[in-house]
Amino acid sequence: MTTTIARYFSNREATRLPTLHSQNLFALTKEVRIEHQGEEYRLRLTRNNRLILTK
């Protein structure tokens, strides 16, 4: 049973998504530009601490 649990956690770590912290993204500005497949998007932090993504 121990091997099964170790394999489970090992697989979970392998599929873990990378995390970007918003305080790092918005440390210097309230808006960042994201380029995706040749298109430009803007991610903005509002006064109410909400995120808005626009194309």
N, C-alpha and C. Protein backbone atom coordinates (compact mmCIF):
# COMPACT_ATOMS: atom_id res chain seq x y z
N MET A 1 0.82 -1.21 0.00
CA MET A 1 0.00 0.00 0.00
C MET A 1 0.86 1.26 0.00
N THR A 2 1.99 1.23 0.67
CA THR A 2 2.86 2.40 0.71
C THR A 2 3.35 2.78 -0.68
N THR A 3 3.66 1.80 -1.51
CA THR A 3 4.11 2.07 -2.87
C THR A 3 3.01 2.76 -3.68
N THR A 4 1.78 2.34 -3.49
CA THR A 4 0.66 2.95 -4.20
C THR A 4 0.50 4.42 -3.80
N ILE A 5 0.60 4.72 -2.53
CA ILE A 5 0.47 6.10 -2.06
C ILE A 5 1.62 6.94 -2.61
N ALA A 6 2.84 6.42 -2.58
CA ALA A 6 3.99 7.16 -3.11
C ALA A 6 3.81 7.42 -4.60
N ARG A 7 3.33 6.47 -5.35
CA ARG A 7 3.10 6.64 -6.78
C ARG A 7 2.03 7.70 -7.02
N TYR A 8 0.98 7.71 -6.20
CA TYR A 8 -0.10 8.69 -6.32
C TYR A 8 0.44 10.11 -6.15
N PHE A 9 1.21 10.33 -5.10
CA PHE A 9 1.75 11.67 -4.86
C PHE A 9 2.78 12.05 -5.92
N SER A 10 3.55 11.10 -6.37
CA SER A 10 4.53 11.36 -7.42
C SER A 10 3.83 11.79 -8.70
N ASN A 11 2.73 11.16 -9.07
CA ASN A 11 1.97 11.53 -10.26
C ASN A 11 1.31 12.90 -10.09
N ARG A 12 0.85 13.20 -8.90
CA ARG A 12 0.22 14.51 -8.65
C ARG A 12 1.22 15.63 -8.84
N GLU A 13 2.44 15.44 -8.37
CA GLU A 13 3.46 16.47 -8.51
C GLU A 13 3.82 16.68 -9.97
N ALA A 14 3.81 15.61 -10.76
CA ALA A 14 4.17 15.70 -12.17
C ALA A 14 3.12 16.49 -12.95
N THR A 15 1.86 16.45 -12.53
CA THR A 15 0.78 17.14 -13.26
C THR A 15 0.41 18.47 -12.63
N ARG A 16 1.16 18.90 -11.63
CA ARG A 16 0.87 20.15 -10.94
C ARG A 16 1.08 21.34 -11.88
N LEU A 17 0.15 22.25 -11.89
CA LEU A 17 0.23 23.43 -12.76
C LEU A 17 1.17 24.47 -12.16
N PRO A 18 1.92 25.16 -13.00
CA PRO A 18 2.74 26.26 -12.48
C PRO A 18 1.84 27.38 -11.96
N THR A 19 2.31 28.08 -10.95
CA THR A 19 1.53 29.14 -10.33
C THR A 19 2.24 30.48 -10.47
N LEU A 20 1.50 31.47 -10.96
CA LEU A 20 2.00 32.84 -11.02
C LEU A 20 1.23 33.64 -9.98
N HIS A 21 1.94 34.30 -9.11
CA HIS A 21 1.28 35.07 -8.05
C HIS A 21 1.00 36.49 -8.56
N SER A 22 -0.22 36.93 -8.37
CA SER A 22 -0.63 38.24 -8.90
C SER A 22 0.20 39.37 -8.30
N GLN A 23 0.65 39.25 -7.07
CA GLN A 23 1.45 40.34 -6.49
C GLN A 23 2.78 40.49 -7.23
N ASN A 24 3.27 39.40 -7.84
CA ASN A 24 4.48 39.49 -8.66
C ASN A 24 4.17 40.11 -10.03
N LEU A 25 3.05 39.71 -10.62
CA LEU A 25 2.67 40.25 -11.92
C LEU A 25 2.40 41.74 -11.87
N PHE A 26 1.78 42.20 -10.80
CA PHE A 26 1.35 43.59 -10.70
C PHE A 26 2.18 44.39 -9.69
N ALA A 27 3.43 43.98 -9.48
CA ALA A 27 4.29 44.68 -8.52
C ALA A 27 4.59 46.11 -8.96
N LEU A 28 4.76 46.31 -10.29
CA LEU A 28 5.16 47.63 -10.78
C LEU A 28 4.06 48.37 -11.53
N THR A 29 3.01 47.66 -11.92
CA THR A 29 1.97 48.27 -12.73
C THR A 29 0.64 47.57 -12.48
N LYS A 30 -0.44 48.18 -12.91
CA LYS A 30 -1.77 47.59 -12.73
C LYS A 30 -2.25 46.83 -13.96
N GLU A 31 -1.39 46.76 -15.00
CA GLU A 31 -1.80 46.11 -16.24
C GLU A 31 -0.59 45.41 -16.86
N VAL A 32 -0.81 44.19 -17.35
CA VAL A 32 0.25 43.47 -18.06
C VAL A 32 -0.27 43.03 -19.42
N ARG A 33 0.65 42.91 -20.36
CA ARG A 33 0.32 42.49 -21.72
C ARG A 33 0.68 41.01 -21.86
N ILE A 34 -0.21 40.25 -22.49
CA ILE A 34 0.01 38.82 -22.74
C ILE A 34 -0.11 38.60 -24.24
N GLU A 35 0.91 37.98 -24.83
CA GLU A 35 0.84 37.66 -26.24
C GLU A 35 0.56 36.17 -26.39
N HIS A 36 -0.48 35.87 -27.16
CA HIS A 36 -0.89 34.47 -27.36
C HIS A 36 -1.23 34.28 -28.83
N GLN A 37 -0.48 33.41 -29.50
CA GLN A 37 -0.69 33.08 -30.91
C GLN A 37 -0.80 34.34 -31.78
N GLY A 38 0.11 35.29 -31.55
CA GLY A 38 0.13 36.50 -32.36
C GLY A 38 -0.88 37.56 -31.96
N GLU A 39 -1.73 37.27 -31.00
CA GLU A 39 -2.74 38.22 -30.52
C GLU A 39 -2.28 38.81 -29.19
N GLU A 40 -2.65 40.06 -28.96
CA GLU A 40 -2.31 40.73 -27.71
C GLU A 40 -3.52 40.81 -26.79
N TYR A 41 -3.31 40.42 -25.55
CA TYR A 41 -4.34 40.51 -24.52
C TYR A 41 -3.79 41.37 -23.39
N ARG A 42 -4.69 41.97 -22.63
CA ARG A 42 -4.28 42.76 -21.47
C ARG A 42 -4.99 42.22 -20.23
N LEU A 43 -4.20 42.02 -19.19
CA LEU A 43 -4.73 41.59 -17.90
C LEU A 43 -4.57 42.78 -16.96
N ARG A 44 -5.71 43.23 -16.46
CA ARG A 44 -5.73 44.46 -15.65
C ARG A 44 -6.24 44.16 -14.25
N LEU A 45 -5.63 44.81 -13.28
CA LEU A 45 -6.06 44.74 -11.88
C LEU A 45 -6.89 45.98 -11.59
N THR A 46 -8.14 45.79 -11.18
CA THR A 46 -9.04 46.92 -10.92
C THR A 46 -8.87 47.48 -9.50
N ARG A 47 -9.53 48.59 -9.26
CA ARG A 47 -9.51 49.19 -7.91
C ARG A 47 -10.07 48.24 -6.86
N ASN A 48 -10.99 47.36 -7.29
CA ASN A 48 -11.62 46.42 -6.36
C ASN A 48 -10.87 45.09 -6.27
N ASN A 49 -9.62 45.08 -6.74
CA ASN A 49 -8.78 43.88 -6.71
C ASN A 49 -9.34 42.73 -7.54
N ARG A 50 -10.00 43.06 -8.62
CA ARG A 50 -10.50 42.04 -9.55
C ARG A 50 -9.64 42.06 -10.79
N LEU A 51 -9.61 40.92 -11.48
CA LEU A 51 -8.83 40.80 -12.70
C LEU A 51 -9.75 40.86 -13.91
N ILE A 52 -9.34 41.63 -14.92
CA ILE A 52 -10.08 41.72 -16.17
C ILE A 52 -9.12 41.41 -17.30
N LEU A 53 -9.48 40.42 -18.12
CA LEU A 53 -8.71 40.05 -19.30
C LEU A 53 -9.46 40.53 -20.54
N THR A 54 -8.78 41.37 -21.36
CA THR A 54 -9.41 41.86 -22.59
C THR A 54 -8.49 41.61 -23.77
N LYS A 55 -9.12 41.55 -24.95
CA LYS A 55 -8.36 41.34 -26.17
C LYS A 55 -8.13 42.66 -26.85
